[in-house]
C-alpha atoms as a PDB file:
ATOM      1  CA  MET A   1      91.601 108.036  95.532  1.00  0.00           C
ATOM      2  CA  TRP A   2      94.204 106.216  97.599  1.00  0.00           C
ATOM      3  CA  THR A   3      95.086 108.064 100.791  1.00  0.00           C
ATOM      4  CA  GLU A   4      94.724 105.938 103.905  1.00  0.00           C
ATOM      5  CA  GLY A   5      96.830 103.127 102.429  1.00  0.00           C
ATOM      6  CA  ALA A   6      99.824 105.465 102.195  1.00  0.00           C
ATOM      7  CA  THR A   7      99.975 105.523 105.994  1.00  0.00           C
ATOM      8  CA  ALA A   8      99.813 101.740 106.164  1.00  0.00           C
ATOM      9  CA  LEU A   9     102.710 101.429 103.717  1.00  0.00           C
ATOM     10  CA  GLN A  10     104.894 104.136 105.285  1.00  0.00           C
ATOM     11  CA  PRO A  11     107.662 101.641 106.241  1.00  0.00           C
ATOM     12  CA  LEU A  12     107.880 100.656 102.576  1.00  0.00           C
ATOM     13  CA  LEU A  13     107.904 104.273 101.475  1.00  0.00           C
ATOM     14  CA  ASN A  14     110.739 104.983 103.914  1.00  0.00           C
ATOM     15  CA  GLY A  15     113.262 102.884 102.048  1.00  0.00           C
ATOM     16  CA  LEU A  16     112.335  99.219 102.008  1.00  0.00           C
ATOM     17  CA  VAL A  17     111.599  99.431  98.301  1.00  0.00           C
ATOM     18  CA  PRO A  18     114.481 101.120  96.431  1.00  0.00           C
ATOM     19  CA  GLU A  19     112.525 102.836  93.668  1.00  0.00           C
ATOM     20  CA  ARG A  20     110.955 106.250  94.039  1.00  0.00           C
ATOM     21  CA  LEU A  21     107.223 106.685  93.689  1.00  0.00           C
ATOM     22  CA  ALA A  22     107.441 109.018  90.684  1.00  0.00           C
ATOM     23  CA  THR A  23     105.740 106.511  88.370  1.00  0.00           C
ATOM     24  CA  SER A  24     103.559 104.749  90.901  1.00  0.00           C
ATOM     25  CA  SER A  25      99.950 103.762  90.985  1.00  0.00           C
ATOM     26  CA  ALA A  26      98.163 102.721  94.128  1.00  0.00           C
ATOM     27  CA  THR A  27      94.749 101.579  95.243  1.00  0.00           C
ATOM     28  CA  SER A  28      93.170 100.026  98.308  1.00  0.00           C
ATOM     29  CA  CYS A  29      89.893  98.655  99.569  1.00  0.00           C
ATOM     30  CA  ALA A  30      88.374  98.044 102.975  1.00  0.00           C
ATOM     31  CA  LEU A  31      87.241  94.483 103.573  1.00  0.00           C
ATOM     32  CA  PRO A  32      84.450  93.388 105.910  1.00  0.00           C
ATOM     33  CA  PRO A  33      85.207  90.947 108.748  1.00  0.00           C
ATOM     34  CA  ARG A  34      83.705  87.953 106.938  1.00  0.00           C
ATOM     35  CA  TYR A  35      85.469  85.122 105.146  1.00  0.00           C
ATOM     36  CA  GLU A  36      83.574  86.055 101.971  1.00  0.00           C
ATOM     37  CA  ALA A  37      85.920  89.062 101.901  1.00  0.00           C
ATOM     38  CA  VAL A  38      88.683  86.753 100.636  1.00  0.00           C
ATOM     39  CA  GLY A  39      86.793  86.449  97.337  1.00  0.00           C
ATOM     40  CA  ASP A  40      86.379  90.235  97.284  1.00  0.00           C
ATOM     41  CA  ALA A  41      90.142  90.588  97.776  1.00  0.00           C
ATOM     42  CA  ARG A  42      90.847  88.225  94.867  1.00  0.00           C
ATOM     43  CA  ARG A  43      88.450  90.116  92.569  1.00  0.00           C
ATOM     44  CA  PHE A  44      89.894  93.490  93.623  1.00  0.00           C
ATOM     45  CA  THR A  45      93.443  92.247  92.988  1.00  0.00           C
ATOM     46  CA  ARG A  46      92.529  90.729  89.622  1.00  0.00           C
ATOM     47  CA  SER A  47      90.747  93.853  88.356  1.00  0.00           C
ATOM     48  CA  THR A  48      93.563  96.132  89.551  1.00  0.00           C
ATOM     49  CA  LEU A  49      96.303  94.086  87.882  1.00  0.00           C
ATOM     50  CA  GLN A  50      94.270  93.856  84.676  1.00  0.00           C
ATOM     51  CA  ARG A  51      93.826  97.638  84.715  1.00  0.00           C
ATOM     52  CA  TRP A  52      97.602  98.000  85.153  1.00  0.00           C
ATOM     53  CA  ASP A  53      98.241  95.524  82.278  1.00  0.00           C
ATOM     54  CA  LEU A  54     100.013  93.121  84.623  1.00  0.00           C
ATOM     55  CA  GLU A  55      98.258  89.883  83.703  1.00  0.00           C
ATOM     56  CA  ALA A  56     101.541  87.991  84.116  1.00  0.00           C
ATOM     57  CA  LEU A  57     101.348  88.608  87.884  1.00  0.00           C
ATOM     58  CA  LEU A  58      97.654  87.775  88.295  1.00  0.00           C
ATOM     59  CA  ASP A  59      97.913  84.272  89.721  1.00  0.00           C
ATOM     60  CA  SER A  60     100.766  85.010  92.138  1.00  0.00           C
ATOM     61  CA  VAL A  61      99.489  88.304  93.538  1.00  0.00           C
ATOM     62  CA  GLU A  62      95.895  87.070  93.705  1.00  0.00           C
ATOM     63  CA  LEU A  63      96.982  83.997  95.698  1.00  0.00           C
ATOM     64  CA  VAL A  64      99.138  86.037  98.065  1.00  0.00           C
ATOM     65  CA  ALA A  65      96.418  88.654  98.591  1.00  0.00           C
ATOM     66  CA  SER A  66      93.939  85.929  99.498  1.00  0.00           C
ATOM     67  CA  GLU A  67      96.393  84.306 101.936  1.00  0.00           C
ATOM     68  CA  LEU A  68      97.218  87.611 103.661  1.00  0.00           C
ATOM     69  CA  VAL A  69      93.548  88.574 103.935  1.00  0.00           C
ATOM     70  CA  THR A  70      92.667  85.106 105.256  1.00  0.00           C
ATOM     71  CA  ASN A  71      95.348  85.442 107.939  1.00  0.00           C
ATOM     72  CA  ALA A  72      94.073  88.897 108.919  1.00  0.00           C
ATOM     73  CA  LEU A  73      90.505  87.623 109.203  1.00  0.00           C
ATOM     74  CA  ARG A  74      91.481  84.458 111.052  1.00  0.00           C
ATOM     75  CA  TYR A  75      94.110  85.731 113.472  1.00  0.00           C
ATOM     76  CA  ALA A  76      94.076  89.529 113.684  1.00  0.00           C
ATOM     77  CA  LEU A  77      90.489  90.582 114.285  1.00  0.00           C
ATOM     78  CA  PRO A  78      89.142  90.824 117.822  1.00  0.00           C
ATOM     79  CA  THR A  79      86.479  88.275 118.676  1.00  0.00           C
ATOM     80  CA  ASP A  80      84.023  90.978 119.734  1.00  0.00           C
ATOM     81  CA  THR A  81      82.494  93.301 117.167  1.00  0.00           C
ATOM     82  CA  THR A  82      83.877  96.821 117.300  1.00  0.00           C
ATOM     83  CA  GLU A  83      82.594 100.020 115.727  1.00  0.00           C
ATOM     84  CA  ASN A  84      85.422  99.938 113.155  1.00  0.00           C
ATOM     85  CA  ALA A  85      85.063  96.240 112.328  1.00  0.00           C
ATOM     86  CA  GLU A  86      83.790  96.939 108.802  1.00  0.00           C
ATOM     87  CA  THR A  87      87.064  98.693 107.887  1.00  0.00           C
ATOM     88  CA  ALA A  88      89.459  96.807 110.167  1.00  0.00           C
ATOM     89  CA  VAL A  89      91.156  95.009 107.260  1.00  0.00           C
ATOM     90  CA  ARG A  90      92.443  96.946 104.253  1.00  0.00           C
ATOM     91  CA  LEU A  91      94.079  95.492 101.133  1.00  0.00           C
ATOM     92  CA  SER A  92      96.417  97.833  99.270  1.00  0.00           C
ATOM     93  CA  LEU A  93      98.229  97.369  95.965  1.00  0.00           C
ATOM     94  CA  VAL A  94     101.037  99.713  94.974  1.00  0.00           C
ATOM     95  CA  ARG A  95     102.863  99.686  91.657  1.00  0.00           C
ATOM     96  CA  TRP A  96     106.375 101.035  91.464  1.00  0.00           C
ATOM     97  CA  SER A  97     108.518 101.202  88.343  1.00  0.00           C
ATOM     98  CA  THR A  98     109.802  97.618  88.767  1.00  0.00           C
ATOM     99  CA  ARG A  99     107.714  96.140  91.579  1.00  0.00           C
ATOM    100  CA  VAL A 100     104.212  95.640  92.930  1.00  0.00           C
ATOM    101  CA  VAL A 101     103.488  95.588  96.656  1.00  0.00           C
ATOM    102  CA  CYS A 102     100.489  93.745  98.055  1.00  0.00           C
ATOM    103  CA  ALA A 103      99.834  94.846 101.635  1.00  0.00           C
ATOM    104  CA  VAL A 104      97.147  93.997 104.168  1.00  0.00           C
ATOM    105  CA  ARG A 105      96.546  96.170 107.212  1.00  0.00           C
ATOM    106  CA  ASP A 106      94.802  94.772 110.279  1.00  0.00           C
ATOM    107  CA  PRO A 107      94.220  95.873 113.889  1.00  0.00           C
ATOM    108  CA  SER A 108      96.498  93.328 115.601  1.00  0.00           C
ATOM    109  CA  SER A 109      99.966  94.316 116.721  1.00  0.00           C
ATOM    110  CA  TYR A 110     101.172  90.718 116.738  1.00  0.00           C
ATOM    111  CA  GLY A 111     103.260  89.679 113.771  1.00  0.00           C
ATOM    112  CA  PRO A 112     102.379  86.711 111.597  1.00  0.00           C
ATOM    113  CA  ALA A 113     103.766  83.394 112.808  1.00  0.00           C
ATOM    114  CA  VAL A 114     105.194  80.985 110.271  1.00  0.00           C
ATOM    115  CA  LYS A 115     104.323  77.436 111.301  1.00  0.00           C
ATOM    116  CA  ALA A 116     106.362  74.361 110.510  1.00  0.00           C
ATOM    117  CA  PRO A 117     104.913  73.021 107.268  1.00  0.00           C
ATOM    118  CA  ASP A 118     102.416  70.221 107.695  1.00  0.00           C
ATOM    119  CA  TRP A 119     101.512  69.251 104.142  1.00  0.00           C
ATOM    120  CA  VAL A 120      98.561  67.094 105.177  1.00  0.00           C
ATOM    121  CA  ALA A 121      96.913  69.673 107.476  1.00  0.00           C
ATOM    122  CA  GLU A 122      93.995  71.711 106.158  1.00  0.00           C
ATOM    123  CA  SER A 123      95.620  75.012 107.131  1.00  0.00           C
ATOM    124  CA  GLY A 124      98.962  76.454 108.188  1.00  0.00           C
ATOM    125  CA  ARG A 125     100.696  76.759 104.810  1.00  0.00           C
ATOM    126  CA  GLY A 126      99.601  80.294 103.895  1.00  0.00           C
ATOM    127  CA  LEU A 127     102.808  82.125 104.765  1.00  0.00           C
ATOM    128  CA  HIS A 128     104.854  79.415 103.039  1.00  0.00           C
ATOM    129  CA  LEU A 129     102.832  80.145  99.894  1.00  0.00           C
ATOM    130  CA  VAL A 130     103.388  83.884 100.358  1.00  0.00           C
ATOM    131  CA  GLU A 131     107.122  83.252 100.625  1.00  0.00           C
ATOM    132  CA  SER A 132     107.125  80.987  97.569  1.00  0.00           C
ATOM    133  CA  PHE A 133     105.142  83.253  95.253  1.00  0.00           C
ATOM    134  CA  SER A 134     106.593  86.654  96.198  1.00  0.00           C
ATOM    135  CA  GLU A 135     110.072  88.097  95.888  1.00  0.00           C
ATOM    136  CA  THR A 136     110.071  88.806  99.619  1.00  0.00           C
ATOM    137  CA  TRP A 137     107.563  89.565 102.350  1.00  0.00           C
ATOM    138  CA  GLY A 138     107.451  90.998 105.834  1.00  0.00           C
ATOM    139  CA  TRP A 139     105.435  93.012 108.293  1.00  0.00           C
ATOM    140  CA  HIS A 140     105.671  96.249 110.238  1.00  0.00           C
ATOM    141  CA  PRO A 141     103.808  97.491 113.295  1.00  0.00           C
ATOM    142  CA  LEU A 142     101.851 100.697 112.775  1.00  0.00           C
ATOM    143  CA  LEU A 143     101.845 103.690 115.067  1.00  0.00           C
ATOM    144  CA  GLY A 144      99.144 103.337 117.668  1.00  0.00           C
ATOM    145  CA  THR A 145      97.706  99.946 116.876  1.00  0.00           C
ATOM    146  CA  GLY A 146      97.781  97.403 114.120  1.00  0.00           C
ATOM    147  CA  LYS A 147     100.252  96.210 111.563  1.00  0.00           C
ATOM    148  CA  VAL A 148     100.750  95.880 107.830  1.00  0.00           C
ATOM    149  CA  VAL A 149     101.837  92.575 106.267  1.00  0.00           C
ATOM    150  CA  TRP A 150     103.284  93.009 102.778  1.00  0.00           C
ATOM    151  CA  ALA A 151     104.628  90.993  99.876  1.00  0.00           C
ATOM    152  CA  LEU A 152     106.792  92.322  97.072  1.00  0.00           C
ATOM    153  CA  PHE A 153     106.619  91.182  93.431  1.00  0.00           C
ATOM    154  CA  ARG A 154     109.017  92.019  90.625  1.00  0.00           C
ATOM    155  CA  LEU A 155     107.315  93.259  87.474  1.00  0.00           C
ATOM    156  CA  PRO A 156     107.849  91.075  84.422  1.00  0.00           C
ATOM    157  CA  GLU A 157     110.638  92.167  82.094  1.00  0.00           C
ATOM    158  CA  THR A 158     109.430  93.847  78.938  1.00  0.00           C
ATOM    159  CA  THR A 159     111.304  94.029  75.685  1.00  0.00           C
ATOM    160  CA  PRO A 160     111.433  97.390  73.918  1.00  0.00           C
END
């Protein structure tokens, strides 16, 4: 059952996404503070989108989820181990009537920083990929501590 993710996505629920949640589906998973969690995020995203019959979005959402989780693991976790470290990063997927939201919650209150693209560097292009593969993206601070970074995807058109 998806409950905690609703709090993380409250800014989206308060009007960022125009549709109502009447026909929504949502799910989330906690990710451990290890880089292997990026693979877990990709598998979670893939299985969720397959369950929702949204194979057309698999590659884009899976890539964006992995980039957002990588950023959370690389830049948002404290260097010391805390008691909540095992659940410090949470990936949530929400399906509205015409859109899917991929959101990653982490404990940092600092927003993601888009770097100038350096196409020969080994890193630093993640948010450019998020921007390229999603309809739009952004982030919101959470009450208390932490933030949620989200990306929005339009569902593929279906013919009746």
